[in-house]
C-alpha atoms as a PDB file:
ATOM      1  CA  MET A   1      -6.756 -15.703  11.837  1.00  0.00           C
ATOM      2  CA  VAL A   2      -5.539 -18.911  13.436  1.00  0.00           C
ATOM      3  CA  LEU A   3      -8.176 -20.177  15.820  1.00  0.00           C
ATOM      4  CA  ASP A   4      -6.428 -23.274  17.075  1.00  0.00           C
ATOM      5  CA  SER A   5      -3.176 -21.737  18.342  1.00  0.00           C
ATOM      6  CA  GLY A   6      -2.772 -22.411  22.029  1.00  0.00           C
ATOM      7  CA  VAL A   7      -5.722 -24.789  22.192  1.00  0.00           C
ATOM      8  CA  LYS A   8      -4.910 -28.005  23.991  1.00  0.00           C
ATOM      9  CA  THR A   9      -5.907 -31.167  22.193  1.00  0.00           C
ATOM     10  CA  HIS A  10      -6.887 -34.436  23.772  1.00  0.00           C
ATOM     11  CA  ASP A  11      -3.435 -35.838  22.946  1.00  0.00           C
ATOM     12  CA  SER A  12      -1.513 -32.913  24.436  1.00  0.00           C
ATOM     13  CA  LEU A  13      -3.628 -32.988  27.620  1.00  0.00           C
ATOM     14  CA  HIS A  14      -3.173 -36.740  27.881  1.00  0.00           C
ATOM     15  CA  THR A  15       0.605 -36.369  27.515  1.00  0.00           C
ATOM     16  CA  ALA A  16       0.752 -33.572  30.094  1.00  0.00           C
ATOM     17  CA  LEU A  17      -1.390 -35.528  32.532  1.00  0.00           C
ATOM     18  CA  ARG A  18       0.741 -38.647  32.108  1.00  0.00           C
ATOM     19  CA  ARG A  19       3.879 -36.570  32.746  1.00  0.00           C
ATOM     20  CA  ALA A  20       2.286 -35.078  35.880  1.00  0.00           C
ATOM     21  CA  ILE A  21       1.322 -38.500  37.224  1.00  0.00           C
ATOM     22  CA  GLU A  22       4.835 -39.828  36.603  1.00  0.00           C
ATOM     23  CA  ARG A  23       6.288 -36.801  38.396  1.00  0.00           C
ATOM     24  CA  ALA A  24       3.881 -37.342  41.315  1.00  0.00           C
ATOM     25  CA  PHE A  25       5.183 -40.871  41.748  1.00  0.00           C
ATOM     26  CA  THR A  26       8.783 -39.623  41.780  1.00  0.00           C
ATOM     27  CA  LEU A  27       8.098 -36.484  43.843  1.00  0.00           C
ATOM     28  CA  GLU A  28       9.686 -37.701  47.068  1.00  0.00           C
ATOM     29  CA  THR A  29      12.808 -38.893  45.254  1.00  0.00           C
ATOM     30  CA  TRP A  30      13.066 -35.572  43.420  1.00  0.00           C
ATOM     31  CA  ILE A  31      12.653 -33.580  46.644  1.00  0.00           C
ATOM     32  CA  SER A  32      15.209 -35.514  48.651  1.00  0.00           C
ATOM     33  CA  GLY A  33      17.741 -35.986  45.865  1.00  0.00           C
ATOM     34  CA  SER A  34      17.766 -32.594  44.176  1.00  0.00           C
ATOM     35  CA  ARG A  35      21.272 -31.261  43.672  1.00  0.00           C
ATOM     36  CA  GLU A  36      20.521 -28.609  41.058  1.00  0.00           C
ATOM     37  CA  ARG A  37      16.972 -27.333  41.136  1.00  0.00           C
ATOM     38  CA  VAL A  38      14.703 -26.984  44.126  1.00  0.00           C
ATOM     39  CA  ALA A  39      12.204 -24.402  42.895  1.00  0.00           C
ATOM     40  CA  SER A  40      11.164 -22.369  39.907  1.00  0.00           C
ATOM     41  CA  GLU A  41      12.218 -18.752  39.601  1.00  0.00           C
ATOM     42  CA  THR A  42       8.538 -17.780  39.927  1.00  0.00           C
ATOM     43  CA  PHE A  43       8.277 -19.701  43.187  1.00  0.00           C
ATOM     44  CA  MET A  44      11.399 -17.998  44.501  1.00  0.00           C
ATOM     45  CA  ARG A  45      10.064 -14.523  43.662  1.00  0.00           C
ATOM     46  CA  ARG A  46       6.708 -15.207  45.309  1.00  0.00           C
ATOM     47  CA  ARG A  47       7.714 -17.170  48.396  1.00  0.00           C
ATOM     48  CA  THR A  48      11.210 -15.908  49.296  1.00  0.00           C
ATOM     49  CA  GLN A  49      13.185 -12.672  49.514  1.00  0.00           C
ATOM     50  CA  PHE A  50      15.062 -13.667  46.358  1.00  0.00           C
ATOM     51  CA  SER A  51      14.360 -13.317  42.665  1.00  0.00           C
ATOM     52  CA  SER A  52      16.123 -16.552  41.753  1.00  0.00           C
ATOM     53  CA  VAL A  53      17.522 -19.803  43.076  1.00  0.00           C
ATOM     54  CA  ASP A  54      21.002 -18.419  42.363  1.00  0.00           C
ATOM     55  CA  GLY A  55      20.269 -15.376  44.545  1.00  0.00           C
ATOM     56  CA  PHE A  56      19.097 -17.680  47.332  1.00  0.00           C
ATOM     57  CA  CYS A  57      22.298 -19.713  47.088  1.00  0.00           C
ATOM     58  CA  VAL A  58      24.568 -16.648  47.038  1.00  0.00           C
ATOM     59  CA  ALA A  59      22.884 -15.183  50.133  1.00  0.00           C
ATOM     60  CA  CYS A  60      23.003 -18.470  52.030  1.00  0.00           C
ATOM     61  CA  PRO A  61      25.802 -18.715  54.617  1.00  0.00           C
ATOM     62  CA  CYS A  62      27.417 -21.723  52.942  1.00  0.00           C
ATOM     63  CA  ASN A  63      30.865 -22.243  51.418  1.00  0.00           C
ATOM     64  CA  GLN A  64      29.599 -22.975  47.907  1.00  0.00           C
ATOM     65  CA  ASP A  65      26.982 -20.790  46.151  1.00  0.00           C
ATOM     66  CA  THR A  66      24.990 -23.758  44.856  1.00  0.00           C
ATOM     67  CA  ILE A  67      22.110 -25.947  45.990  1.00  0.00           C
ATOM     68  CA  GLU A  68      24.689 -28.563  46.915  1.00  0.00           C
ATOM     69  CA  GLY A  69      26.392 -25.982  49.148  1.00  0.00           C
ATOM     70  CA  VAL A  70      23.067 -25.176  50.799  1.00  0.00           C
ATOM     71  CA  GLN A  71      22.437 -28.869  51.404  1.00  0.00           C
ATOM     72  CA  ARG A  72      25.862 -29.270  53.045  1.00  0.00           C
ATOM     73  CA  LEU A  73      24.956 -26.849  55.822  1.00  0.00           C
ATOM     74  CA  SER A  74      23.821 -28.365  59.082  1.00  0.00           C
ATOM     75  CA  ALA A  75      20.055 -28.792  59.248  1.00  0.00           C
ATOM     76  CA  ASP A  76      19.837 -26.117  61.958  1.00  0.00           C
ATOM     77  CA  GLU A  77      21.813 -23.529  59.955  1.00  0.00           C
ATOM     78  CA  ARG A  78      19.896 -24.267  56.767  1.00  0.00           C
ATOM     79  CA  ASN A  79      16.511 -24.145  58.498  1.00  0.00           C
ATOM     80  CA  ALA A  80      17.398 -20.883  60.263  1.00  0.00           C
ATOM     81  CA  PHE A  81      18.306 -19.289  56.915  1.00  0.00           C
ATOM     82  CA  VAL A  82      15.108 -20.571  55.305  1.00  0.00           C
ATOM     83  CA  ALA A  83      12.982 -19.335  58.223  1.00  0.00           C
ATOM     84  CA  ARG A  84      14.595 -15.870  58.013  1.00  0.00           C
ATOM     85  CA  THR A  85      14.330 -15.416  54.257  1.00  0.00           C
ATOM     86  CA  THR A  86      11.300 -17.380  53.032  1.00  0.00           C
ATOM     87  CA  ASP A  87       7.668 -18.133  53.858  1.00  0.00           C
ATOM     88  CA  PHE A  88       8.757 -21.467  55.330  1.00  0.00           C
ATOM     89  CA  GLU A  89      10.189 -22.712  58.606  1.00  0.00           C
ATOM     90  CA  THR A  90      12.362 -25.507  57.206  1.00  0.00           C
ATOM     91  CA  TRP A  91      14.306 -26.453  54.097  1.00  0.00           C
ATOM     92  CA  ASP A  92      12.244 -29.628  53.651  1.00  0.00           C
ATOM     93  CA  GLU A  93       8.989 -27.650  53.878  1.00  0.00           C
ATOM     94  CA  MET A  94      10.233 -25.213  51.225  1.00  0.00           C
ATOM     95  CA  LYS A  95      11.397 -27.970  48.856  1.00  0.00           C
ATOM     96  CA  ARG A  96       8.181 -29.940  49.270  1.00  0.00           C
ATOM     97  CA  SER A  97       6.023 -26.874  48.632  1.00  0.00           C
ATOM     98  CA  ALA A  98       8.038 -25.966  45.530  1.00  0.00           C
ATOM     99  CA  ALA A  99       7.772 -29.505  44.179  1.00  0.00           C
ATOM    100  CA  VAL A 100       4.037 -29.706  44.788  1.00  0.00           C
ATOM    101  CA  GLU A 101       3.484 -26.305  43.188  1.00  0.00           C
ATOM    102  CA  ASP A 102       5.530 -27.395  40.194  1.00  0.00           C
ATOM    103  CA  LEU A 103       3.494 -30.584  39.933  1.00  0.00           C
ATOM    104  CA  VAL A 104       0.162 -28.781  40.202  1.00  0.00           C
ATOM    105  CA  THR A 105       1.169 -26.364  37.484  1.00  0.00           C
ATOM    106  CA  LEU A 106       1.291 -29.386  35.140  1.00  0.00           C
ATOM    107  CA  GLN A 107       3.779 -27.675  32.901  1.00  0.00           C
ATOM    108  CA  SER A 108       1.307 -24.911  31.948  1.00  0.00           C
ATOM    109  CA  VAL A 109      -1.627 -27.175  31.122  1.00  0.00           C
END
């Protein structure tokens, strides 16, 4: 029997914590500049009507079924879609919540 499998060591916790702190400092940049990923699939399943980011993008009334397409919508159109299909009122609120949740998760620490 292997007793140490899955046990976090001081070094692995230190590395994960350092990564989390670095991400916290870049959180606002990541939120405002994201062109590919705005939330985890788990976040999307729990907090939206969609099972994936791709599903969210496809359902969005934009010309391009990508995050970039979603971001090209007017703020009013984008926020109306988010309010209708998620637990949030605005796109910025959804992105910020997803980023904070991702940060708090600390990459499964």
